[in-house]
Amino acid sequence: MRILWTVNLLPREAALSMRVSAEVLGGWVEAMTKQLSGRTDIQLAIACKVKDGIVFKKEIHQVTYYSLSYSEKKQEASLRAQCKQIIEAYQPDLIQ
């Protein structure tokens, strides 16, 4: 099963990989990511809210991370377009 999460932070694994500061929030995201990524019947992708202009797709420890660029000035249509691109690229069975 292909699962796509959307989260409002940059998880620690992705932050370390990109050499940026990790947020000290979302411990449950880290714990659940570790649990799910160890399963052979699940493929996990996480769309991470990041500062506007940051764009990435990275695979780290069997998890695919996508950027979801955000700013207060960005139009809702732009966020929808990003979400659509991620969904089309990843083809999830479940979105959370």
C-alpha atoms as a PDB file:
ATOM      1  CA  MET A   1       0.000   0.000   0.000  1.00  0.00           C
ATOM      2  CA  ARG A   2       1.276   3.441  -0.955  1.00  0.00           C
ATOM      3  CA  ILE A   3       0.612   6.031   1.768  1.00  0.00           C
ATOM      4  CA  LEU A   4       1.065   9.791   1.399  1.00  0.00           C
ATOM      5  CA  TRP A   5       1.117  11.953   4.511  1.00  0.00           C
ATOM      6  CA  THR A   6       0.951  15.707   4.567  1.00  0.00           C
ATOM      7  CA  VAL A   7       2.607  17.245   7.609  1.00  0.00           C
ATOM      8  CA  ASN A   8       3.182  20.833   8.692  1.00  0.00           C
ATOM      9  CA  LEU A   9       6.862  20.410   9.488  1.00  0.00           C
ATOM     10  CA  LEU A  10      10.094  19.143   7.997  1.00  0.00           C
ATOM     11  CA  PRO A  11      10.807  15.784   9.663  1.00  0.00           C
ATOM     12  CA  ARG A  12      14.222  15.316  11.261  1.00  0.00           C
ATOM     13  CA  GLU A  13      15.501  12.773   8.704  1.00  0.00           C
ATOM     14  CA  ALA A  14      14.788  15.131   5.808  1.00  0.00           C
ATOM     15  CA  ALA A  15      16.200  18.155   7.651  1.00  0.00           C
ATOM     16  CA  LEU A  16      19.449  16.358   8.464  1.00  0.00           C
ATOM     17  CA  SER A  17      19.776  15.157   4.881  1.00  0.00           C
ATOM     18  CA  MET A  18      19.465  18.729   3.609  1.00  0.00           C
ATOM     19  CA  ARG A  19      21.661  20.148   6.371  1.00  0.00           C
ATOM     20  CA  VAL A  20      18.981  22.477   7.725  1.00  0.00           C
ATOM     21  CA  SER A  21      17.671  22.889  11.250  1.00  0.00           C
ATOM     22  CA  ALA A  22      15.201  20.244  12.327  1.00  0.00           C
ATOM     23  CA  GLU A  23      12.042  21.366  14.075  1.00  0.00           C
ATOM     24  CA  VAL A  24      11.565  20.215  17.664  1.00  0.00           C
ATOM     25  CA  LEU A  25       7.964  19.169  17.055  1.00  0.00           C
ATOM     26  CA  GLY A  26       6.124  16.182  15.717  1.00  0.00           C
ATOM     27  CA  GLY A  27       7.768  13.380  17.679  1.00  0.00           C
ATOM     28  CA  TRP A  28       4.841  11.165  16.711  1.00  0.00           C
ATOM     29  CA  VAL A  29       5.670  11.736  13.025  1.00  0.00           C
ATOM     30  CA  GLU A  30       9.217  10.511  13.582  1.00  0.00           C
ATOM     31  CA  ALA A  31       8.063   7.469  15.561  1.00  0.00           C
ATOM     32  CA  MET A  32       5.324   6.499  13.102  1.00  0.00           C
ATOM     33  CA  THR A  33       7.651   7.011  10.121  1.00  0.00           C
ATOM     34  CA  LYS A  34      10.143   4.612  11.654  1.00  0.00           C
ATOM     35  CA  GLN A  35       7.438   2.015  12.336  1.00  0.00           C
ATOM     36  CA  LEU A  36       5.874   2.206   8.863  1.00  0.00           C
ATOM     37  CA  SER A  37       9.104   2.402   6.877  1.00  0.00           C
ATOM     38  CA  GLY A  38      10.178  -0.924   8.347  1.00  0.00           C
ATOM     39  CA  ARG A  39       7.174  -2.726   6.870  1.00  0.00           C
ATOM     40  CA  THR A  40       7.465  -4.476   3.531  1.00  0.00           C
ATOM     41  CA  ASP A  41       3.767  -4.055   2.672  1.00  0.00           C
ATOM     42  CA  ILE A  42       3.828  -0.227   2.940  1.00  0.00           C
ATOM     43  CA  GLN A  43       5.553   2.444   0.865  1.00  0.00           C
ATOM     44  CA  LEU A  44       5.521   5.824   2.609  1.00  0.00           C
ATOM     45  CA  ALA A  45       5.821   9.340   1.237  1.00  0.00           C
ATOM     46  CA  ILE A  46       5.612  12.522   3.264  1.00  0.00           C
ATOM     47  CA  ALA A  47       4.704  15.937   1.840  1.00  0.00           C
ATOM     48  CA  CYS A  48       6.395  18.453   4.158  1.00  0.00           C
ATOM     49  CA  LYS A  49       5.392  22.065   4.630  1.00  0.00           C
ATOM     50  CA  VAL A  50       8.489  24.171   3.990  1.00  0.00           C
ATOM     51  CA  LYS A  51       9.324  27.816   3.299  1.00  0.00           C
ATOM     52  CA  ASP A  52       8.248  29.149  -0.058  1.00  0.00           C
ATOM     53  CA  GLY A  53      10.792  28.510  -2.800  1.00  0.00           C
ATOM     54  CA  ILE A  54      12.223  25.310  -1.349  1.00  0.00           C
ATOM     55  CA  VAL A  55      11.629  22.409  -3.728  1.00  0.00           C
ATOM     56  CA  PHE A  56      12.767  18.837  -3.258  1.00  0.00           C
ATOM     57  CA  LYS A  57      11.968  15.171  -3.663  1.00  0.00           C
ATOM     58  CA  LYS A  58      14.267  12.950  -1.616  1.00  0.00           C
ATOM     59  CA  GLU A  59      14.271   9.302  -0.690  1.00  0.00           C
ATOM     60  CA  ILE A  60      15.729   8.613   2.732  1.00  0.00           C
ATOM     61  CA  HIS A  61      15.581   5.195   4.438  1.00  0.00           C
ATOM     62  CA  GLN A  62      12.732   3.911   2.235  1.00  0.00           C
ATOM     63  CA  VAL A  63      10.648   7.092   2.710  1.00  0.00           C
ATOM     64  CA  THR A  64      10.061   9.598  -0.092  1.00  0.00           C
ATOM     65  CA  TYR A  65       9.912  13.232   1.047  1.00  0.00           C
ATOM     66  CA  TYR A  66       8.273  15.926  -1.080  1.00  0.00           C
ATOM     67  CA  SER A  67       8.355  19.660  -0.433  1.00  0.00           C
ATOM     68  CA  LEU A  68       5.082  21.509  -0.070  1.00  0.00           C
ATOM     69  CA  SER A  69       6.181  25.142  -0.346  1.00  0.00           C
ATOM     70  CA  TYR A  70       4.081  27.522   1.677  1.00  0.00           C
ATOM     71  CA  SER A  71       3.885  31.200   2.512  1.00  0.00           C
ATOM     72  CA  GLU A  72       1.178  33.501   3.811  1.00  0.00           C
ATOM     73  CA  LYS A  73       1.193  35.272   0.435  1.00  0.00           C
ATOM     74  CA  LYS A  74       0.847  32.136  -1.686  1.00  0.00           C
ATOM     75  CA  GLN A  75      -2.515  31.594  -3.295  1.00  0.00           C
ATOM     76  CA  GLU A  76      -4.570  28.517  -2.444  1.00  0.00           C
ATOM     77  CA  ALA A  77      -4.537  27.544  -6.123  1.00  0.00           C
ATOM     78  CA  SER A  78      -0.740  27.250  -5.985  1.00  0.00           C
ATOM     79  CA  LEU A  79      -0.892  24.884  -3.015  1.00  0.00           C
ATOM     80  CA  ARG A  80      -3.553  22.810  -4.759  1.00  0.00           C
ATOM     81  CA  ALA A  81      -1.358  22.590  -7.856  1.00  0.00           C
ATOM     82  CA  GLN A  82       1.589  21.374  -5.762  1.00  0.00           C
ATOM     83  CA  CYS A  83      -0.602  18.766  -4.078  1.00  0.00           C
ATOM     84  CA  LYS A  84      -1.895  17.600  -7.437  1.00  0.00           C
ATOM     85  CA  GLN A  85       1.663  17.229  -8.776  1.00  0.00           C
ATOM     86  CA  ILE A  86       2.735  15.205  -5.751  1.00  0.00           C
ATOM     87  CA  ILE A  87      -0.321  12.943  -5.979  1.00  0.00           C
ATOM     88  CA  GLU A  88       0.200  12.384  -9.701  1.00  0.00           C
ATOM     89  CA  ALA A  89       3.888  11.609  -9.177  1.00  0.00           C
ATOM     90  CA  TYR A  90       3.456   9.281  -6.203  1.00  0.00           C
ATOM     91  CA  GLN A  91       0.082   7.665  -7.009  1.00  0.00           C
ATOM     92  CA  PRO A  92      -0.894   6.931  -3.377  1.00  0.00           C
ATOM     93  CA  ASP A  93      -3.532   4.433  -2.330  1.00  0.00           C
ATOM     94  CA  LEU A  94      -4.190   6.441   0.835  1.00  0.00           C
ATOM     95  CA  ILE A  95      -3.715  10.120   1.687  1.00  0.00           C
ATOM     96  CA  GLN A  96      -3.611  11.281   5.279  1.00  0.00           C
END
